[in-house]
Structure formats: structure tokens, C-alpha cells
């Protein structure tokens, strides 16, 4: 018997591949739109010192669109595997993995308002680290029960999150770390 209960609506959404992909796309657009508008005209953001390897800002919407699609489809793969899982271990791993999927979605969508909206680079870094760890663990849980299919879709996301956390950490350290400006956490 599974130790975690996921409401039926949270299982029904990813059962359909269109809604599985649509949920992170729409939620990502909604969470990123107001801060993105602010950033386009923000002296604060352009005044920050960035770490080496910062991509052009035009790359982010393209990359995130692909990642939202792949994470959404991975949730579809996971729910379909849960529907046919026969062993308790597989069901438990899939259930926890799907639960973590929704946790990481929440963490993901909190990041832009923290970083761009509130200018809280330190809190955004904590969020990014928690997001990265939970997503890697989710990927590990979903790997075996989906025969690696979920991992195929989630591995680029995991890699990007590690890179994004590096960028966030670099921005925090270079601008608000010891001996720097006082705001940022």
C-alpha cells in the first residue's frame, strides 16, 4: 500500500499527453510573464555581475519551452506506468515520483517571482537548490518503473537545473556575497 495519496485530478491531468505538456507550459508562462516584463526594463538585473557562462537572455524562453514540454511528457509517461504497475515498489516509487513532480513544479514557478520580482537572489538560490535536488530524486524514482523513458525526458531538465543553480549561485555570490551589497537574501 502506498504511503502517499495523490488526488485523482493530479493523476488525471498527466494521463492525457496534451494536458500533461500543457500544464507546465501554461503555468510557466504565467509565472514568468510579469517578471519578464519587469526584467526587460530593469536596471537592477542589467546591473548585476553574472558568472562566466551566462547565456544570452534570448535563450531562456526557448530552453524553458522545451524543458516544460519534456517534463510534462515525462509526467505522462510516469502516470501511464503507474496505471499498469504491478509491484508495490514500482507503485510506491511512481507515486512518490509523481508527488515530487508537483512539488518541483511549485518550486520552479516560485523562482521567477523570487528572483526577478522580489530581487531575492539568495532565496531564489535556496529555491533553485531544492528544485534541483527534488528533480534529480524524482528522476531516480521514475527511472526503473518507466524503463528509463521518464529519465530520457527529464535528464536535460536535470542538467539545466544544475546549470541554472550555478548561475543563480554565481549571481548571488558576485553581487551579494560576503563584503558585497546588503540586499539579496
N, C-alpha and C. Protein backbone atom coordinates (compact mmCIF):
# COMPACT_ATOMS: atom_id res chain seq x y z
N UNK A 1 0.83 -1.18 0.00
CA UNK A 1 0.00 0.00 0.00
C UNK A 1 0.88 1.25 0.00
N UNK A 2 0.56 2.19 -0.83
CA UNK A 2 1.35 3.40 -0.97
C UNK A 2 1.20 4.29 0.25
N UNK A 3 2.28 4.94 0.63
CA UNK A 3 2.29 5.83 1.79
C UNK A 3 1.91 7.26 1.42
N UNK A 4 1.67 7.53 0.16
CA UNK A 4 1.33 8.86 -0.31
C UNK A 4 0.08 8.78 -1.17
N UNK A 5 -0.85 9.67 -0.91
CA UNK A 5 -2.06 9.71 -1.73
C UNK A 5 -2.01 10.96 -2.61
N UNK A 6 -2.16 10.75 -3.90
CA UNK A 6 -2.22 11.87 -4.85
C UNK A 6 -3.67 12.01 -5.29
N UNK A 7 -4.24 13.21 -5.17
CA UNK A 7 -5.63 13.40 -5.60
C UNK A 7 -5.82 12.99 -7.06
N UNK A 8 -6.98 12.45 -7.36
CA UNK A 8 -7.26 11.95 -8.71
C UNK A 8 -7.04 13.00 -9.79
N UNK A 9 -7.38 14.25 -9.52
CA UNK A 9 -7.20 15.30 -10.53
C UNK A 9 -5.73 15.45 -10.92
N UNK A 10 -4.83 15.25 -9.95
CA UNK A 10 -3.40 15.37 -10.24
C UNK A 10 -2.86 14.17 -10.99
N UNK A 11 -3.62 13.09 -11.02
CA UNK A 11 -3.27 11.95 -11.86
C UNK A 11 -3.96 12.05 -13.22
N UNK A 12 -5.14 12.64 -13.24
CA UNK A 12 -5.90 12.76 -14.50
C UNK A 12 -5.23 13.74 -15.46
N UNK A 13 -4.67 14.81 -14.95
CA UNK A 13 -4.04 15.82 -15.83
C UNK A 13 -2.95 15.19 -16.70
N UNK A 14 -1.98 14.47 -16.11
CA UNK A 14 -0.93 13.91 -16.97
C UNK A 14 -1.32 12.64 -17.73
N UNK A 15 -2.49 12.08 -17.48
CA UNK A 15 -2.91 10.91 -18.26
C UNK A 15 -3.06 11.25 -19.73
N UNK A 16 -3.49 12.45 -20.01
CA UNK A 16 -3.62 12.92 -21.39
C UNK A 16 -2.32 13.66 -21.75
N UNK A 17 -1.63 13.26 -22.82
CA UNK A 17 -0.35 13.91 -23.14
C UNK A 17 -0.48 15.41 -23.42
N UNK A 18 -1.62 15.83 -23.94
CA UNK A 18 -1.81 17.26 -24.24
C UNK A 18 -1.88 18.07 -22.95
N UNK A 19 -2.68 17.61 -21.99
CA UNK A 19 -2.76 18.35 -20.73
C UNK A 19 -1.49 18.17 -19.90
N UNK A 20 -0.83 17.02 -20.05
CA UNK A 20 0.43 16.80 -19.34
C UNK A 20 1.47 17.83 -19.77
N UNK A 21 1.56 18.09 -21.06
CA UNK A 21 2.52 19.08 -21.58
C UNK A 21 1.98 20.49 -21.36
N UNK A 22 0.68 20.66 -21.48
CA UNK A 22 0.08 21.98 -21.36
C UNK A 22 0.20 22.59 -19.98
N UNK A 23 0.08 21.77 -18.93
CA UNK A 23 0.14 22.31 -17.57
C UNK A 23 1.44 23.06 -17.30
N UNK A 24 2.62 22.45 -17.48
CA UNK A 24 3.83 23.22 -17.20
C UNK A 24 4.04 24.38 -18.16
N UNK A 25 3.60 24.22 -19.41
CA UNK A 25 3.75 25.33 -20.37
C UNK A 25 2.94 26.55 -19.94
N UNK A 26 1.68 26.34 -19.62
CA UNK A 26 0.81 27.45 -19.24
C UNK A 26 1.26 28.04 -17.90
N UNK A 27 1.52 27.18 -16.92
CA UNK A 27 1.94 27.67 -15.61
C UNK A 27 3.29 28.39 -15.71
N UNK A 28 4.20 27.88 -16.52
CA UNK A 28 5.49 28.54 -16.71
C UNK A 28 5.34 29.90 -17.35
N UNK A 29 4.47 29.98 -18.34
CA UNK A 29 4.22 31.26 -19.00
C UNK A 29 3.64 32.26 -18.00
N UNK A 30 2.67 31.81 -17.21
CA UNK A 30 2.02 32.71 -16.25
C UNK A 30 2.98 33.15 -15.14
N UNK A 31 3.84 32.25 -14.68
CA UNK A 31 4.76 32.63 -13.60
C UNK A 31 5.90 33.49 -14.10
N UNK A 32 6.25 33.36 -15.37
CA UNK A 32 7.37 34.13 -15.89
C UNK A 32 7.01 35.42 -16.58
N UNK A 33 5.75 35.59 -16.93
CA UNK A 33 5.37 36.77 -17.71
C UNK A 33 5.54 38.10 -16.98
N UNK A 34 4.94 38.29 -15.81
CA UNK A 34 5.11 39.60 -15.16
C UNK A 34 6.58 39.91 -14.84
N UNK A 35 7.34 38.97 -14.27
CA UNK A 35 8.75 39.28 -14.01
C UNK A 35 9.54 39.54 -15.29
N UNK A 36 9.23 38.82 -16.35
CA UNK A 36 9.95 39.02 -17.61
C UNK A 36 9.75 40.43 -18.14
N UNK A 37 8.55 40.95 -17.98
CA UNK A 37 8.27 42.31 -18.42
C UNK A 37 9.10 43.30 -17.60
N UNK A 38 9.18 43.05 -16.30
CA UNK A 38 9.98 43.92 -15.44
C UNK A 38 11.46 43.85 -15.82
N UNK A 39 11.94 42.65 -16.11
CA UNK A 39 13.36 42.46 -16.41
C UNK A 39 13.76 43.21 -17.68
N UNK A 40 12.88 43.22 -18.66
CA UNK A 40 13.20 43.87 -19.94
C UNK A 40 13.57 45.34 -19.74
N UNK A 41 13.04 45.98 -18.74
CA UNK A 41 13.32 47.39 -18.47
C UNK A 41 13.98 47.58 -17.11
N UNK A 42 14.68 46.60 -16.62
CA UNK A 42 15.19 46.63 -15.26
C UNK A 42 16.67 47.00 -15.18
N UNK A 43 16.93 48.12 -14.56
CA UNK A 43 18.33 48.48 -14.28
C UNK A 43 18.93 47.52 -13.27
N UNK A 44 18.08 46.99 -12.37
CA UNK A 44 18.57 46.07 -11.35
C UNK A 44 19.22 44.85 -12.01
N UNK A 45 18.49 44.17 -12.87
CA UNK A 45 19.01 42.94 -13.47
C UNK A 45 20.25 43.20 -14.32
N UNK A 46 20.21 44.24 -15.13
CA UNK A 46 21.34 44.52 -16.01
C UNK A 46 22.53 45.08 -15.25
N UNK A 47 22.31 45.50 -14.02
CA UNK A 47 23.40 45.98 -13.18
C UNK A 47 24.10 44.87 -12.41
N UNK A 48 23.57 43.65 -12.48
CA UNK A 48 24.18 42.53 -11.77
C UNK A 48 25.40 42.01 -12.51
N UNK A 49 26.39 41.58 -11.75
CA UNK A 49 27.55 40.90 -12.32
C UNK A 49 27.17 39.43 -12.47
N UNK A 50 27.35 38.89 -13.67
CA UNK A 50 26.98 37.50 -13.94
C UNK A 50 28.23 36.62 -13.91
N UNK A 51 28.08 35.35 -13.56
CA UNK A 51 29.21 34.43 -13.57
C UNK A 51 29.58 34.05 -15.00
N UNK A 52 30.76 33.48 -15.19
CA UNK A 52 31.13 33.02 -16.53
C UNK A 52 30.13 31.98 -17.03
N UNK A 53 29.84 32.03 -18.32
CA UNK A 53 28.94 31.05 -18.92
C UNK A 53 27.49 31.47 -18.97
N UNK A 54 27.20 32.72 -18.67
CA UNK A 54 25.82 33.22 -18.72
C UNK A 54 25.38 33.27 -20.18
N UNK A 55 24.31 32.54 -20.55
CA UNK A 55 23.85 32.58 -21.94
C UNK A 55 23.11 33.89 -22.23
N UNK A 56 22.91 34.20 -23.50
CA UNK A 56 22.12 35.40 -23.81
C UNK A 56 20.69 35.22 -23.29
N UNK A 57 20.09 36.31 -22.85
CA UNK A 57 18.75 36.21 -22.26
C UNK A 57 17.72 35.69 -23.24
N UNK A 58 17.95 35.84 -24.54
CA UNK A 58 17.02 35.34 -25.55
C UNK A 58 16.95 33.81 -25.56
N UNK A 59 17.96 33.14 -25.01
CA UNK A 59 17.98 31.68 -24.99
C UNK A 59 16.99 31.10 -23.98
N UNK A 60 16.73 31.83 -22.91
CA UNK A 60 15.93 31.28 -21.82
C UNK A 60 14.51 30.89 -22.21
N UNK A 61 13.75 31.72 -22.91
CA UNK A 61 12.38 31.30 -23.28
C UNK A 61 12.37 30.05 -24.16
N UNK A 62 13.32 29.95 -25.07
CA UNK A 62 13.40 28.79 -25.96
C UNK A 62 13.71 27.53 -25.15
N UNK A 63 14.73 27.62 -24.30
CA UNK A 63 15.14 26.46 -23.50
C UNK A 63 14.02 26.03 -22.56
N UNK A 64 13.41 26.99 -21.85
CA UNK A 64 12.36 26.64 -20.90
C UNK A 64 11.14 26.05 -21.59
N UNK A 65 10.81 26.51 -22.77
CA UNK A 65 9.68 25.92 -23.50
C UNK A 65 9.93 24.44 -23.77
N UNK A 66 11.13 24.12 -24.24
CA UNK A 66 11.47 22.71 -24.49
C UNK A 66 11.46 21.90 -23.20
N UNK A 67 12.00 22.48 -22.13
CA UNK A 67 12.05 21.76 -20.86
C UNK A 67 10.66 21.54 -20.27
N UNK A 68 9.79 22.54 -20.38
CA UNK A 68 8.42 22.37 -19.89
C UNK A 68 7.71 21.26 -20.66
N UNK A 69 7.92 21.21 -21.97
CA UNK A 69 7.31 20.14 -22.79
C UNK A 69 7.84 18.77 -22.37
N UNK A 70 9.15 18.66 -22.18
CA UNK A 70 9.73 17.36 -21.84
C UNK A 70 9.34 16.92 -20.43
N UNK A 71 9.30 17.86 -19.47
CA UNK A 71 8.90 17.46 -18.11
C UNK A 71 7.43 17.07 -18.08
N UNK A 72 6.61 17.77 -18.84
CA UNK A 72 5.20 17.42 -18.91
C UNK A 72 4.99 16.04 -19.50
N UNK A 73 5.73 15.74 -20.58
CA UNK A 73 5.58 14.43 -21.19
C UNK A 73 6.11 13.34 -20.26
N UNK A 74 7.15 13.64 -19.50
CA UNK A 74 7.66 12.67 -18.52
C UNK A 74 6.59 12.35 -17.48
N UNK A 75 5.80 13.35 -17.09
CA UNK A 75 4.72 13.09 -16.13
C UNK A 75 3.67 12.16 -16.75
N UNK A 76 3.43 12.31 -18.04
CA UNK A 76 2.51 11.42 -18.75
C UNK A 76 3.04 9.99 -18.73
N UNK A 77 4.31 9.83 -19.04
CA UNK A 77 4.94 8.51 -19.02
C UNK A 77 4.82 7.88 -17.63
N UNK A 78 5.06 8.68 -16.59
CA UNK A 78 5.02 8.17 -15.21
C UNK A 78 3.61 7.72 -14.82
N UNK A 79 2.61 8.51 -15.15
CA UNK A 79 1.23 8.14 -14.78
C UNK A 79 0.79 6.91 -15.56
N UNK A 80 1.17 6.81 -16.82
CA UNK A 80 0.82 5.61 -17.60
C UNK A 80 1.49 4.37 -17.00
N UNK A 81 2.73 4.53 -16.52
CA UNK A 81 3.40 3.41 -15.86
C UNK A 81 2.71 3.06 -14.54
N UNK A 82 2.26 4.08 -13.81
CA UNK A 82 1.54 3.83 -12.55
C UNK A 82 0.25 3.06 -12.81
N UNK A 83 -0.43 3.39 -13.89
CA UNK A 83 -1.69 2.71 -14.23
C UNK A 83 -1.50 1.22 -14.47
N UNK A 84 -0.30 0.81 -14.87
CA UNK A 84 -0.06 -0.60 -15.19
C UNK A 84 0.93 -1.27 -14.25
N UNK A 85 1.42 -0.55 -13.24
CA UNK A 85 2.42 -1.12 -12.32
C UNK A 85 1.80 -2.24 -11.50
N UNK A 86 2.57 -3.32 -11.34
CA UNK A 86 2.06 -4.46 -10.59
C UNK A 86 2.77 -4.64 -9.25
N UNK A 87 4.01 -4.22 -9.14
CA UNK A 87 4.72 -4.41 -7.87
C UNK A 87 4.51 -3.21 -6.95
N UNK A 88 4.53 -3.49 -5.67
CA UNK A 88 4.38 -2.43 -4.67
C UNK A 88 5.51 -1.42 -4.77
N UNK A 89 6.72 -1.90 -4.98
CA UNK A 89 7.87 -1.00 -5.09
C UNK A 89 7.70 -0.04 -6.27
N UNK A 90 7.29 -0.57 -7.40
CA UNK A 90 7.08 0.30 -8.58
C UNK A 90 5.98 1.31 -8.31
N UNK A 91 4.88 0.86 -7.74
CA UNK A 91 3.77 1.78 -7.44
C UNK A 91 4.20 2.86 -6.45
N UNK A 92 4.93 2.47 -5.41
CA UNK A 92 5.40 3.45 -4.42
C UNK A 92 6.36 4.45 -5.04
N UNK A 93 7.32 3.97 -5.84
CA UNK A 93 8.27 4.87 -6.48
C UNK A 93 7.58 5.82 -7.46
N UNK A 94 6.65 5.28 -8.22
CA UNK A 94 5.91 6.12 -9.17
C UNK A 94 5.05 7.15 -8.44
N UNK A 95 4.39 6.73 -7.38
CA UNK A 95 3.53 7.65 -6.63
C UNK A 95 4.36 8.77 -6.01
N UNK A 96 5.47 8.42 -5.37
CA UNK A 96 6.33 9.45 -4.78
C UNK A 96 6.93 10.33 -5.88
N UNK A 97 7.35 9.72 -6.98
CA UNK A 97 7.90 10.49 -8.10
C UNK A 97 6.90 11.47 -8.67
N UNK A 98 5.65 11.05 -8.82
CA UNK A 98 4.61 11.95 -9.33
C UNK A 98 4.31 13.05 -8.31
N UNK A 99 4.32 12.70 -7.03
CA UNK A 99 4.16 13.71 -5.99
C UNK A 99 5.28 14.75 -6.06
N UNK A 100 6.51 14.28 -6.24
CA UNK A 100 7.65 15.20 -6.38
C UNK A 100 7.55 16.03 -7.65
N UNK A 101 6.92 15.49 -8.67
CA UNK A 101 6.71 16.26 -9.90
C UNK A 101 5.95 17.54 -9.58
N UNK A 102 4.89 17.42 -8.79
CA UNK A 102 4.10 18.60 -8.45
C UNK A 102 4.86 19.52 -7.48
N UNK A 103 5.66 18.95 -6.59
CA UNK A 103 6.50 19.77 -5.70
C UNK A 103 7.48 20.58 -6.53
N UNK A 104 8.16 19.92 -7.47
CA UNK A 104 9.15 20.64 -8.27
C UNK A 104 8.49 21.68 -9.17
N UNK A 105 7.26 21.42 -9.63
CA UNK A 105 6.55 22.44 -10.40
C UNK A 105 6.34 23.70 -9.55
N UNK A 106 5.92 23.50 -8.30
CA UNK A 106 5.73 24.64 -7.40
C UNK A 106 7.02 25.39 -7.16
N UNK A 107 8.10 24.66 -6.91
CA UNK A 107 9.41 25.31 -6.71
C UNK A 107 9.85 26.04 -7.97
N UNK A 108 9.64 25.41 -9.11
CA UNK A 108 10.02 26.02 -10.39
C UNK A 108 9.29 27.34 -10.60
N UNK A 109 8.00 27.32 -10.36
CA UNK A 109 7.20 28.51 -10.64
C UNK A 109 7.34 29.59 -9.57
N UNK A 110 7.95 29.25 -8.43
CA UNK A 110 8.23 30.27 -7.40
C UNK A 110 9.52 31.03 -7.71
N UNK A 111 10.40 30.44 -8.52
CA UNK A 111 11.72 31.03 -8.72
C UNK A 111 11.67 32.41 -9.37
N UNK A 112 10.98 32.55 -10.48
CA UNK A 112 10.95 33.85 -11.18
C UNK A 112 10.44 34.99 -10.31
N UNK A 113 9.31 34.80 -9.61
CA UNK A 113 8.88 35.90 -8.72
C UNK A 113 9.89 36.21 -7.62
N UNK A 114 10.57 35.18 -7.09
CA UNK A 114 11.58 35.44 -6.06
C UNK A 114 12.76 36.23 -6.64
N UNK A 115 13.28 35.75 -7.75
CA UNK A 115 14.49 36.34 -8.32
C UNK A 115 14.20 37.68 -8.99
N UNK A 116 13.32 37.67 -9.97
CA UNK A 116 13.06 38.88 -10.76
C UNK A 116 12.09 39.84 -10.08
N UNK A 117 11.05 39.30 -9.46
CA UNK A 117 10.05 40.17 -8.85
C UNK A 117 10.51 40.79 -7.55
N UNK A 118 11.01 39.94 -6.62
CA UNK A 118 11.40 40.42 -5.29
C UNK A 118 12.88 40.75 -5.19
N UNK A 119 13.67 40.42 -6.21
CA UNK A 119 15.12 40.64 -6.22
C UNK A 119 15.81 39.90 -5.07
N UNK A 120 15.25 38.78 -4.69
CA UNK A 120 15.79 37.98 -3.59
C UNK A 120 16.63 36.84 -4.16
N UNK A 121 17.85 37.17 -4.59
CA UNK A 121 18.70 36.18 -5.24
C UNK A 121 19.08 35.04 -4.31
N UNK A 122 19.23 35.33 -3.01
CA UNK A 122 19.57 34.28 -2.05
C UNK A 122 18.42 33.31 -1.84
N UNK A 123 17.21 33.83 -1.67
CA UNK A 123 16.05 32.94 -1.53
C UNK A 123 15.79 32.18 -2.82
N UNK A 124 16.01 32.83 -3.95
CA UNK A 124 15.87 32.15 -5.24
C UNK A 124 16.89 31.02 -5.35
N UNK A 125 18.09 31.23 -4.80
CA UNK A 125 19.11 30.19 -4.82
C UNK A 125 18.69 29.00 -3.96
N UNK A 126 18.13 29.25 -2.79
CA UNK A 126 17.63 28.16 -1.95
C UNK A 126 16.53 27.40 -2.70
N UNK A 127 15.63 28.13 -3.34
CA UNK A 127 14.58 27.52 -4.14
C UNK A 127 15.18 26.68 -5.26
N UNK A 128 16.16 27.23 -5.96
CA UNK A 128 16.78 26.53 -7.08
C UNK A 128 17.49 25.26 -6.63
N UNK A 129 18.16 25.32 -5.49
CA UNK A 129 18.84 24.13 -4.96
C UNK A 129 17.82 23.05 -4.59
N UNK A 130 16.74 23.45 -3.92
CA UNK A 130 15.68 22.49 -3.56
C UNK A 130 15.04 21.91 -4.81
N UNK A 131 14.82 22.74 -5.81
CA UNK A 131 14.25 22.31 -7.08
C UNK A 131 15.16 21.29 -7.76
N UNK A 132 16.44 21.57 -7.80
CA UNK A 132 17.40 20.68 -8.45
C UNK A 132 17.45 19.33 -7.73
N UNK A 133 17.56 19.36 -6.42
CA UNK A 133 17.64 18.11 -5.65
C UNK A 133 16.35 17.29 -5.80
N UNK A 134 15.20 17.94 -5.67
CA UNK A 134 13.94 17.19 -5.77
C UNK A 134 13.74 16.62 -7.17
N UNK A 135 14.19 17.34 -8.19
CA UNK A 135 14.02 16.86 -9.57
C UNK A 135 14.95 15.68 -9.86
N UNK A 136 16.19 15.75 -9.39
CA UNK A 136 17.10 14.62 -9.57
C UNK A 136 16.55 13.38 -8.85
N UNK A 137 16.03 13.57 -7.64
CA UNK A 137 15.48 12.44 -6.89
C UNK A 137 14.23 11.89 -7.58
N UNK A 138 13.38 12.77 -8.06
CA UNK A 138 12.19 12.36 -8.81
C UNK A 138 12.61 11.51 -10.02
N UNK A 139 13.62 11.97 -10.74
CA UNK A 139 14.11 11.26 -11.92
C UNK A 139 14.60 9.87 -11.55
N UNK A 140 15.33 9.78 -10.43
CA UNK A 140 15.82 8.48 -9.96
C UNK A 140 14.65 7.55 -9.64
N UNK A 141 13.64 8.08 -8.96
CA UNK A 141 12.48 7.25 -8.60
C UNK A 141 11.71 6.75 -9.82
N UNK A 142 11.61 7.58 -10.84
CA UNK A 142 10.82 7.23 -12.02
C UNK A 142 11.58 6.38 -13.04
N UNK A 143 12.89 6.29 -12.89
CA UNK A 143 13.70 5.62 -13.90
C UNK A 143 13.32 4.16 -14.11
N UNK A 144 13.45 3.34 -13.11
CA UNK A 144 13.22 1.90 -13.27
C UNK A 144 11.77 1.57 -13.63
N UNK A 145 10.78 2.14 -12.91
CA UNK A 145 9.39 1.76 -13.24
C UNK A 145 8.93 2.20 -14.63
N UNK A 146 9.63 3.17 -15.24
CA UNK A 146 9.26 3.59 -16.60
C UNK A 146 10.23 3.05 -17.64
N UNK A 147 11.09 2.13 -17.22
CA UNK A 147 12.11 1.57 -18.11
C UNK A 147 12.98 2.65 -18.75
N UNK A 148 13.28 3.67 -17.98
CA UNK A 148 14.17 4.75 -18.45
C UNK A 148 13.50 5.81 -19.30
N UNK A 149 12.23 5.61 -19.64
CA UNK A 149 11.56 6.59 -20.53
C UNK A 149 11.43 7.96 -19.87
N UNK A 150 11.03 8.00 -18.60
CA UNK A 150 10.91 9.30 -17.91
C UNK A 150 12.28 9.96 -17.80
N UNK A 151 13.31 9.17 -17.55
CA UNK A 151 14.66 9.72 -17.43
C UNK A 151 15.10 10.36 -18.74
N UNK A 152 14.75 9.75 -19.84
CA UNK A 152 15.08 10.30 -21.16
C UNK A 152 14.54 11.73 -21.30
N UNK A 153 13.34 11.95 -20.82
CA UNK A 153 12.72 13.28 -20.92
C UNK A 153 13.17 14.23 -19.80
N UNK A 154 13.57 13.69 -18.66
CA UNK A 154 13.92 14.53 -17.52
C UNK A 154 15.40 14.88 -17.41
N UNK A 155 16.28 14.08 -18.01
CA UNK A 155 17.71 14.33 -17.86
C UNK A 155 18.15 15.70 -18.38
N UNK A 156 17.66 16.17 -19.53
CA UNK A 156 18.03 17.54 -19.94
C UNK A 156 17.57 18.59 -18.93
N UNK A 157 16.41 18.38 -18.34
CA UNK A 157 15.90 19.29 -17.32
C UNK A 157 16.81 19.28 -16.09
N UNK A 158 17.21 18.09 -15.66
CA UNK A 158 18.12 17.97 -14.52
C UNK A 158 19.43 18.70 -14.79
N UNK A 159 19.98 18.51 -15.98
CA UNK A 159 21.24 19.18 -16.33
C UNK A 159 21.05 20.70 -16.35
N UNK A 160 19.96 21.17 -16.93
CA UNK A 160 19.70 22.61 -16.98
C UNK A 160 19.53 23.18 -15.58
N UNK A 161 18.86 22.45 -14.70
CA UNK A 161 18.67 22.94 -13.33
C UNK A 161 20.00 23.07 -12.60
N UNK A 162 20.91 22.12 -12.82
CA UNK A 162 22.23 22.24 -12.20
C UNK A 162 22.94 23.49 -12.72
N UNK A 163 22.86 23.72 -14.01
CA UNK A 163 23.45 24.91 -14.63
C UNK A 163 22.78 26.19 -14.14
N UNK A 164 21.46 26.19 -14.07
CA UNK A 164 20.72 27.37 -13.60
C UNK A 164 21.05 27.67 -12.13
N UNK A 165 21.23 26.63 -11.34
CA UNK A 165 21.61 26.83 -9.93
C UNK A 165 23.00 27.42 -9.84
N UNK A 166 23.91 26.96 -10.70
CA UNK A 166 25.25 27.57 -10.77
C UNK A 166 25.14 29.06 -11.11
N UNK A 167 24.33 29.40 -12.11
CA UNK A 167 24.17 30.81 -12.50
C UNK A 167 23.59 31.63 -11.34
N UNK A 168 22.57 31.10 -10.68
CA UNK A 168 21.96 31.80 -9.55
C UNK A 168 22.97 31.98 -8.42
N UNK A 169 23.72 30.92 -8.12
CA UNK A 169 24.74 31.00 -7.06
C UNK A 169 25.80 32.02 -7.42
N UNK A 170 26.22 32.02 -8.69
CA UNK A 170 27.23 32.99 -9.13
C UNK A 170 26.73 34.41 -9.02
N UNK A 171 25.50 34.64 -9.42
CA UNK A 171 24.93 35.99 -9.31
C UNK A 171 24.84 36.41 -7.85
N UNK A 172 24.37 35.50 -7.00
CA UNK A 172 24.29 35.85 -5.58
C UNK A 172 25.67 36.16 -5.02
N UNK A 173 26.63 35.28 -5.27
CA UNK A 173 27.98 35.44 -4.71
C UNK A 173 28.66 36.71 -5.22
N UNK A 174 28.61 36.93 -6.51
CA UNK A 174 29.30 38.08 -7.09
C UNK A 174 28.66 39.42 -6.72
N UNK A 175 27.39 39.40 -6.39
CA UNK A 175 26.68 40.65 -6.12
C UNK A 175 26.29 40.86 -4.66
N UNK A 176 26.05 39.76 -3.93
CA UNK A 176 25.54 39.88 -2.57
C UNK A 176 26.30 39.04 -1.57
N UNK A 177 27.35 38.36 -2.00
CA UNK A 177 28.13 37.52 -1.10
C UNK A 177 28.86 38.36 -0.06
N UNK A 178 29.72 37.73 0.73
CA UNK A 178 30.44 38.45 1.78
C UNK A 178 31.15 39.69 1.25
N UNK A 179 30.92 40.80 1.91
CA UNK A 179 31.56 42.06 1.53
C UNK A 179 30.91 42.78 0.37
N UNK A 180 29.77 42.29 -0.11
CA UNK A 180 29.08 42.90 -1.25
C UNK A 180 27.88 43.70 -0.77
N UNK A 181 26.98 44.02 -1.69
CA UNK A 181 25.74 44.75 -1.35
C UNK A 181 24.98 44.04 -0.24
N UNK A 182 24.17 44.77 0.47
CA UNK A 182 23.48 44.18 1.62
C UNK A 182 22.21 43.43 1.25
N UNK A 183 21.55 43.75 0.14
CA UNK A 183 20.30 43.09 -0.22
C UNK A 183 20.59 41.85 -1.07
N UNK A 184 19.68 40.93 -1.10
CA UNK A 184 19.84 39.77 -1.97
C UNK A 184 19.44 38.47 -1.33
N UNK A 185 19.23 38.45 -0.03
CA UNK A 185 18.73 37.24 0.61
C UNK A 185 17.41 37.57 1.19
